[in-house]
Protein backbone atom coordinates (compact mmCIF):
# COMPACT_ATOMS: atom_id res chain seq x y z
CA MET A 1 91.88 117.72 87.66
CA GLU A 2 94.71 116.75 89.23
CA PHE A 3 95.63 112.87 90.05
CA PHE A 4 98.45 111.12 92.14
CA CYS A 5 98.81 107.17 90.47
CA TYR A 6 101.37 105.30 92.35
CA HIS A 7 102.09 101.93 90.78
CA ARG A 8 103.80 99.70 92.77
CA ASP A 9 106.10 96.64 91.07
CA ARG A 10 105.17 93.32 91.61
CA VAL A 11 108.24 91.62 92.79
CA GLY A 12 110.09 89.66 90.44
CA SER A 13 109.15 92.41 87.30
CA VAL A 14 112.36 93.82 87.02
CA ALA A 15 113.48 92.24 83.79
CA LEU A 16 109.70 92.88 82.38
CA ARG A 17 110.09 96.18 83.33
CA ALA A 18 113.47 97.25 81.68
CA GLU A 19 111.94 94.98 78.31
CA LEU A 20 109.00 97.72 78.58
CA ALA A 21 110.87 101.03 79.11
CA GLU A 22 110.71 102.69 75.72
CA ASP A 23 106.54 101.23 75.44
CA HIS A 24 106.00 103.12 78.98
CA TRP A 25 107.83 106.14 77.79
CA ALA A 26 106.08 106.53 74.50
CA TYR A 27 102.80 106.01 76.61
CA MET A 28 103.78 108.93 79.28
CA ASP A 29 104.89 110.99 76.29
CA ARG A 30 100.98 111.24 75.13
CA TYR A 31 100.23 112.79 78.73
CA ALA A 32 103.12 114.96 78.63
CA ALA A 33 101.60 118.35 78.64
CA GLY A 34 99.28 117.18 81.74
CA LEU A 35 102.18 115.66 83.37
CA ILE A 36 103.48 117.34 86.89
CA ALA A 37 105.65 115.22 88.17
CA ARG A 38 106.99 111.64 87.60
CA GLY A 39 109.30 109.04 87.77
CA PRO A 40 110.69 105.68 89.58
CA THR A 41 110.50 104.50 93.10
CA PHE A 42 113.53 102.25 94.30
CA GLY A 43 113.85 99.59 97.03
CA ALA A 44 116.50 99.30 100.04
CA GLY A 45 119.55 100.58 98.05
CA GLY A 46 118.50 102.74 95.55
CA GLU A 47 119.15 100.11 92.73
CA VAL A 48 115.93 98.32 92.26
CA PRO A 49 112.83 100.08 91.20
CA ALA A 50 109.94 99.34 93.33
CA GLY A 51 107.32 101.56 91.70
CA SER A 52 106.38 104.43 89.20
CA VAL A 53 104.83 107.95 90.59
CA HIS A 54 102.75 109.92 88.11
CA ILE A 55 100.80 113.06 89.27
CA VAL A 56 99.07 114.42 86.07
CA ASP A 57 96.03 116.50 85.17
CA LEU A 58 93.31 114.89 83.21
CA PRO A 59 89.96 116.02 82.41
CA ALA A 60 87.60 113.36 84.49
CA PRO A 61 88.09 110.65 86.84
CA ALA A 62 87.38 108.20 83.82
CA ALA A 63 90.37 109.46 82.07
CA ALA A 64 92.42 109.11 85.31
CA ARG A 65 91.37 105.31 85.24
CA ALA A 66 92.36 104.58 81.73
CA PHE A 67 95.43 106.51 82.00
CA ALA A 68 96.60 104.13 85.00
CA PHE A 69 95.22 101.06 83.88
CA ASP A 70 95.81 101.59 80.24
CA GLU A 71 99.86 102.11 81.06
CA PRO A 72 102.06 98.99 79.10
CA ASN A 73 103.61 98.21 82.50
CA TYR A 74 100.11 97.39 84.31
CA GLN A 75 98.77 95.32 81.40
CA ALA A 76 101.77 93.32 81.17
CA GLY A 77 101.64 92.67 84.85
CA VAL A 78 104.94 94.61 86.00
CA TYR A 79 102.97 96.37 88.62
CA ARG A 80 101.04 94.39 91.81
CA ASP A 81 98.87 97.54 92.84
CA VAL A 82 97.86 100.84 91.88
CA LEU A 83 97.18 104.06 94.30
CA LEU A 84 95.13 106.40 92.34
CA ARG A 85 93.73 109.45 93.98
CA ARG A 86 92.41 113.35 93.20
CA TRP A 87 95.15 115.41 94.50
CA ARG A 88 96.05 119.05 94.63
CA ASN A 89 98.80 121.09 93.84
CA LEU A 90 99.91 123.32 96.57
CA LEU A 91 102.81 124.55 94.81
CA GLY A 92 101.41 125.49 91.51
CA ARG A 93 104.47 123.84 89.52
CA THR A 94 105.53 120.84 87.88
CA MET A 95 108.71 118.96 89.08
CA TRP A 96 110.19 120.38 85.74
CA GLU A 97 110.36 123.73 87.62
CA PHE A 98 111.52 123.03 91.03
CA PRO A 99 114.51 125.15 91.60
CA GLY A 100 116.76 122.29 92.86
CA GLY A 101 116.98 120.76 89.26
CA ARG A 102 116.80 117.19 88.24
CA THR A 103 120.30 116.43 90.08
CA GLY A 104 121.86 116.65 93.14
CA GLY A 105 120.79 115.56 97.00
CA ASN A 106 118.65 112.57 97.73
CA ARG A 107 114.91 112.52 96.27
CA TYR A 108 112.11 110.69 98.01
CA LEU A 109 108.16 110.20 97.80
CA VAL A 110 106.65 110.55 101.02
CA LEU A 111 102.92 109.00 101.48
CA GLY A 112 101.52 109.85 104.13
CA LEU A 113 98.03 107.96 104.51
CA GLY A 114 94.80 108.73 106.77
CA PRO A 115 92.91 109.27 109.09
CA ALA A 116 91.25 112.71 108.21
CA PRO A 117 92.68 115.80 110.39
CA ALA A 118 90.62 117.95 113.26
CA ALA A 119 87.44 119.28 111.89
CA GLY A 120 88.34 121.99 109.90
CA ALA A 121 90.77 120.54 107.87
CA VAL A 122 88.80 118.46 105.06
CA ALA A 123 90.63 119.12 102.58
CA GLY A 124 93.84 118.30 104.26
CA PRO A 125 96.90 120.13 105.69
CA GLY A 126 98.79 122.97 103.62
CA LEU A 127 101.93 123.58 103.24
CA PRO A 128 103.99 122.34 105.78
CA PRO A 129 105.12 125.53 108.13
CA GLY A 130 108.61 125.38 108.97
CA THR A 131 110.06 123.35 105.86
CA ASP A 132 112.28 125.00 103.22
CA HIS A 133 110.08 125.02 100.38
CA ASP A 134 113.02 124.95 97.96
CA ASP A 135 113.29 121.45 98.82
CA LEU A 136 109.39 120.47 97.87
CA ILE A 137 109.24 119.22 94.05
CA ALA A 138 105.55 118.61 94.59
CA PHE A 139 103.17 118.77 97.44
CA GLY A 140 99.62 117.93 98.36
CA PRO A 141 96.41 116.38 99.57
CA LEU A 142 95.63 113.00 98.25
CA LEU A 143 91.66 113.41 97.83
CA SER A 144 88.64 111.27 97.88
CA ASP A 145 87.30 110.38 94.23
CA ASP A 146 84.70 113.36 94.49
CA GLY A 147 87.90 115.79 95.52
CA THR A 148 85.67 116.85 98.76
CA ALA A 149 87.45 114.83 101.65
CA TRP A 150 91.55 114.76 102.69
CA VAL A 151 92.46 110.86 102.67
CA GLY A 152 96.59 111.68 103.02
CA THR A 153 99.10 113.40 101.64
CA ALA A 154 101.68 112.89 98.68
CA ALA A 155 105.00 115.01 98.73
CA LEU A 156 108.03 114.40 96.26
CA VAL A 157 110.92 116.00 98.39
CA ARG A 158 114.61 116.73 98.86
CA ALA A 159 116.04 115.59 101.79
CA PRO A 160 119.20 114.61 103.37
CA ASP A 161 117.90 111.27 104.77
CA ARG A 162 114.86 109.48 105.07
CA ASP A 163 113.87 110.90 108.34
CA ARG A 164 113.97 114.43 107.29
CA ALA A 165 111.99 113.69 104.09
CA ARG A 166 109.14 112.09 106.54
CA ALA A 167 109.49 114.91 108.87
CA VAL A 168 107.66 117.16 105.39
CA LEU A 169 104.27 116.15 106.76
CA GLY A 170 104.76 118.11 109.69
CA ALA A 171 102.47 117.21 113.23
CA VAL A 172 99.85 115.89 111.43
CA ARG A 173 99.07 112.52 112.82
CA TYR A 174 98.61 109.27 110.01
CA ALA A 175 97.63 106.27 110.04
CA ASP A 176 100.77 105.14 108.00
CA VAL A 177 103.68 106.92 106.60
CA GLU A 178 105.79 105.62 103.46
CA VAL A 179 109.03 107.05 102.59
CA HIS A 180 110.66 105.56 99.23
CA ASP A 181 113.79 106.42 97.12
CA TRP A 182 112.42 108.46 94.27
CA GLU A 183 114.28 110.00 91.08
CA PHE A 184 113.01 112.45 88.39
CA GLY A 185 111.54 110.31 85.57
CA GLY A 186 111.61 110.03 81.82
CA ARG A 187 113.86 108.94 78.98
CA ARG A 188 117.49 108.59 80.69
């Protein structure tokens, strides 16, 4: 089962996050075989960390909750909240298989949150038509805990700017859309 996990940083936790960087990476190393994508998001200006994205394949919802809440930054109070949802990898690849590589261009996390689309689209929209899929690093629906109902969409995308990043969600109407600066994660 694939899960999307987005830890949002608590204001004022940058120093604590930096102090725990090696603990965080060592923790993530335990999940390396199941990681589909990972990396920090940043606030305005792209310098201050604002959150941490992990898309991971795990055996069960209980394992996903343990993954999210046993994480060292969460345990130490770096994060203010966690978005944890079932997810489906519509690209069928990891971020390391992204044809655009680790660098070059602007990278974004785009979250489109409910309401559910029209009847017949319970699993959520598919890949966006008219979008260059070579600019999609990860893309898939956010699902209910049992994996049967669509509650949003999460995408990691390379785009020239925030507006173009937001456009990967297509014409689906969302209750809220968030666009965050993002970069490939892991040890530097």
